[in-house]
Protein backbone atom coordinates (compact mmCIF):
# COMPACT_ATOMS: atom_id res chain seq x y z
CA UNK A 1 -19.02 -25.07 2.13
CA UNK A 2 -16.10 -27.40 1.37
CA UNK A 3 -12.64 -25.91 1.39
CA UNK A 4 -9.58 -27.03 -0.55
CA UNK A 5 -7.72 -27.00 2.80
CA UNK A 6 -10.15 -29.59 4.21
CA UNK A 7 -10.54 -32.04 1.31
CA UNK A 8 -8.69 -32.94 -1.86
CA UNK A 9 -11.69 -34.26 -3.73
CA UNK A 10 -15.21 -35.59 -3.72
CA UNK A 11 -16.99 -38.47 -5.41
CA UNK A 12 -20.39 -37.61 -6.87
CA UNK A 13 -23.15 -39.96 -7.97
CA UNK A 14 -26.05 -37.84 -9.26
CA UNK A 15 -27.74 -37.31 -12.62
CA UNK A 16 -26.45 -34.60 -14.91
CA UNK A 17 -28.04 -31.21 -14.32
CA UNK A 18 -27.04 -27.56 -14.63
CA UNK A 19 -26.98 -27.27 -10.83
CA UNK A 20 -24.56 -30.19 -10.48
CA UNK A 21 -22.39 -28.87 -13.32
CA UNK A 22 -22.20 -25.48 -11.61
CA UNK A 23 -21.43 -27.02 -8.21
CA UNK A 24 -18.55 -29.02 -9.76
CA UNK A 25 -17.22 -25.84 -11.35
CA UNK A 26 -17.31 -24.06 -7.96
CA UNK A 27 -15.48 -27.01 -6.34
CA UNK A 28 -12.83 -26.89 -9.06
CA UNK A 29 -12.36 -23.14 -8.51
CA UNK A 30 -11.56 -23.93 -4.85
CA UNK A 31 -9.01 -26.58 -5.83
CA UNK A 32 -11.26 -29.56 -5.06
CA UNK A 33 -11.33 -32.33 -7.65
CA UNK A 34 -14.58 -34.17 -8.46
CA UNK A 35 -14.91 -37.74 -9.70
CA UNK A 36 -18.30 -38.71 -11.03
CA UNK A 37 -19.78 -42.17 -10.93
CA UNK A 38 -22.30 -43.61 -13.41
CA UNK A 39 -23.73 -40.37 -14.81
CA UNK A 40 -21.22 -37.79 -15.95
CA UNK A 41 -21.20 -34.09 -16.76
CA UNK A 42 -19.58 -34.00 -20.20
CA UNK A 43 -19.54 -30.21 -20.49
CA UNK A 44 -17.85 -29.63 -17.12
CA UNK A 45 -14.13 -28.93 -17.23
CA UNK A 46 -11.44 -31.03 -15.48
CA UNK A 47 -13.93 -33.68 -14.39
CA UNK A 48 -13.14 -37.34 -14.18
CA UNK A 49 -15.80 -39.94 -14.84
CA UNK A 50 -16.10 -43.57 -13.76
CA UNK A 51 -18.89 -45.48 -15.44
CA UNK A 52 -20.07 -47.32 -18.49
CA UNK A 53 -20.63 -46.20 -22.06
CA UNK A 54 -24.41 -45.78 -21.83
CA UNK A 55 -24.90 -45.56 -25.59
CA UNK A 56 -23.19 -48.93 -26.03
CA UNK A 57 -25.16 -50.39 -23.12
CA UNK A 58 -28.39 -49.37 -24.84
CA UNK A 59 -27.20 -50.77 -28.17
CA UNK A 60 -26.35 -54.08 -26.48
CA UNK A 61 -29.77 -54.17 -24.84
CA UNK A 62 -31.37 -53.56 -28.24
CA UNK A 63 -29.47 -56.44 -29.79
CA UNK A 64 -30.47 -58.73 -26.90
CA UNK A 65 -34.17 -57.81 -26.89
CA UNK A 66 -34.41 -58.05 -30.67
CA UNK A 67 -32.48 -61.32 -30.92
CA UNK A 68 -34.32 -63.10 -28.13
CA UNK A 69 -37.83 -61.91 -28.98
CA UNK A 70 -39.94 -64.88 -30.04
CA UNK A 71 -41.95 -62.76 -32.51
CA UNK A 72 -40.44 -61.03 -35.50
CA UNK A 73 -42.74 -58.05 -35.07
CA UNK A 74 -44.50 -56.39 -32.15
CA UNK A 75 -43.77 -53.70 -29.62
CA UNK A 76 -41.18 -53.05 -26.96
CA UNK A 77 -41.89 -51.18 -23.72
CA UNK A 78 -39.08 -48.92 -22.49
CA UNK A 79 -39.09 -47.97 -18.79
CA UNK A 80 -36.89 -45.61 -16.77
CA UNK A 81 -37.03 -43.40 -13.71
CA UNK A 82 -36.58 -40.24 -15.77
CA UNK A 83 -35.52 -39.18 -19.23
CA UNK A 84 -33.88 -36.13 -17.67
CA UNK A 85 -30.80 -38.21 -16.83
CA UNK A 86 -28.06 -38.28 -19.45
CA UNK A 87 -27.42 -42.01 -19.01
CA UNK A 88 -31.09 -42.75 -19.75
CA UNK A 89 -31.01 -40.55 -22.85
CA UNK A 90 -27.82 -42.18 -24.15
CA UNK A 91 -29.09 -45.71 -23.44
CA UNK A 92 -32.36 -44.95 -25.22
CA UNK A 93 -30.50 -43.56 -28.26
CA UNK A 94 -28.27 -46.64 -28.51
CA UNK A 95 -31.27 -48.93 -28.08
CA UNK A 96 -33.36 -47.17 -30.74
CA UNK A 97 -30.50 -47.11 -33.27
CA UNK A 98 -29.90 -50.83 -32.89
CA UNK A 99 -33.55 -51.88 -33.00
CA UNK A 100 -34.19 -49.63 -36.02
CA UNK A 101 -31.18 -50.97 -37.90
CA UNK A 102 -31.39 -54.68 -37.06
CA UNK A 103 -35.07 -55.27 -36.24
CA UNK A 104 -37.12 -52.84 -38.36
CA UNK A 105 -40.41 -54.71 -37.82
CA UNK A 106 -40.29 -54.21 -34.05
CA UNK A 107 -41.76 -50.92 -32.80
CA UNK A 108 -40.26 -49.24 -29.74
CA UNK A 109 -42.91 -47.44 -27.68
CA UNK A 110 -42.36 -44.05 -26.02
CA UNK A 111 -40.45 -44.24 -22.75
CA UNK A 112 -42.49 -44.75 -19.58
CA UNK A 113 -41.09 -42.67 -16.69
CA UNK A 114 -41.70 -44.06 -13.19
CA UNK A 115 -39.98 -41.20 -11.31
CA UNK A 116 -38.85 -43.86 -8.82
CA UNK A 117 -42.43 -44.42 -7.64
CA UNK A 118 -43.36 -48.10 -7.35
CA UNK A 119 -47.14 -47.50 -7.47
CA UNK A 120 -46.72 -45.31 -10.56
CA UNK A 121 -44.54 -47.97 -12.20
CA UNK A 122 -47.21 -50.62 -11.73
CA UNK A 123 -50.00 -48.31 -12.93
CA UNK A 124 -48.34 -47.02 -16.11
CA UNK A 125 -46.91 -50.39 -17.13
CA UNK A 126 -50.30 -52.07 -16.67
CA UNK A 127 -51.97 -49.35 -18.75
CA UNK A 128 -49.34 -49.61 -21.49
CA UNK A 129 -49.73 -53.40 -21.73
CA UNK A 130 -53.53 -53.09 -21.84
CA UNK A 131 -53.22 -50.59 -24.72
CA UNK A 132 -50.59 -52.66 -26.57
CA UNK A 133 -51.44 -56.38 -26.55
CA UNK A 134 -48.61 -57.19 -28.97
CA UNK A 135 -45.72 -56.59 -26.53
CA UNK A 136 -42.71 -58.76 -27.42
CA UNK A 137 -40.09 -57.15 -25.20
CA UNK A 138 -39.27 -54.70 -22.46
CA UNK A 139 -36.18 -52.65 -21.76
CA UNK A 140 -35.72 -51.30 -18.24
CA UNK A 141 -32.95 -48.72 -18.44
CA UNK A 142 -33.36 -47.16 -15.01
CA UNK A 143 -30.90 -47.71 -12.16
CA UNK A 144 -33.56 -49.52 -10.12
CA UNK A 145 -35.23 -52.38 -11.98
CA UNK A 146 -37.13 -54.26 -9.27
CA UNK A 147 -40.47 -52.39 -9.38
CA UNK A 148 -40.70 -52.28 -13.21
CA UNK A 149 -39.78 -55.97 -13.52
CA UNK A 150 -42.35 -56.92 -10.85
CA UNK A 151 -44.99 -54.88 -12.67
CA UNK A 152 -44.14 -56.56 -15.96
CA UNK A 153 -44.35 -59.95 -14.28
CA UNK A 154 -47.94 -59.15 -13.27
CA UNK A 155 -48.95 -57.79 -16.69
CA UNK A 156 -47.30 -59.99 -19.33
CA UNK A 157 -46.40 -63.61 -19.86
CA UNK A 158 -42.71 -63.32 -19.03
CA UNK A 159 -42.14 -66.65 -20.76
CA UNK A 160 -43.13 -64.97 -24.04
CA UNK A 161 -41.69 -61.47 -23.52
CA UNK A 162 -37.97 -60.72 -23.53
CA UNK A 163 -36.95 -58.40 -20.70
CA UNK A 164 -33.55 -56.71 -20.43
CA UNK A 165 -32.76 -54.51 -17.44
CA UNK A 166 -29.81 -52.49 -16.16
CA UNK A 167 -29.19 -52.32 -12.44
């Protein structure tokens, strides 16, 4: 319902999706510019983006988890709200590439998705730790790290497990 006569532009902070891409296109057709924060729409035309390089952020997290892990082999838990968000996908790709290249004896487990639900986060992290007693690290790549980090604190010896989180 926005009109180019009413506003010059909008700032958007939402995950990439076809609906958001289409809404940005409709804004642009009405002469309204869109600036995206944190999670961009790379296929949209004439869209500015303010945020980090998520692939590099994931690669950095991989280097940190691998370097600071006390064990040379073991498993890493990866936790996010959703793998439907482009920033989560890019972070996971950067993380996996770095761990695979620099720390081949460390296994990265499939991503646990919390969907922003604190109870779910605690439940799935606890189950994952119970099924994988050789956890040496955890990577929380979601925008909200408090619930996953609290769940990890209850399930693992945080003095022995390296945890890296974005927030």
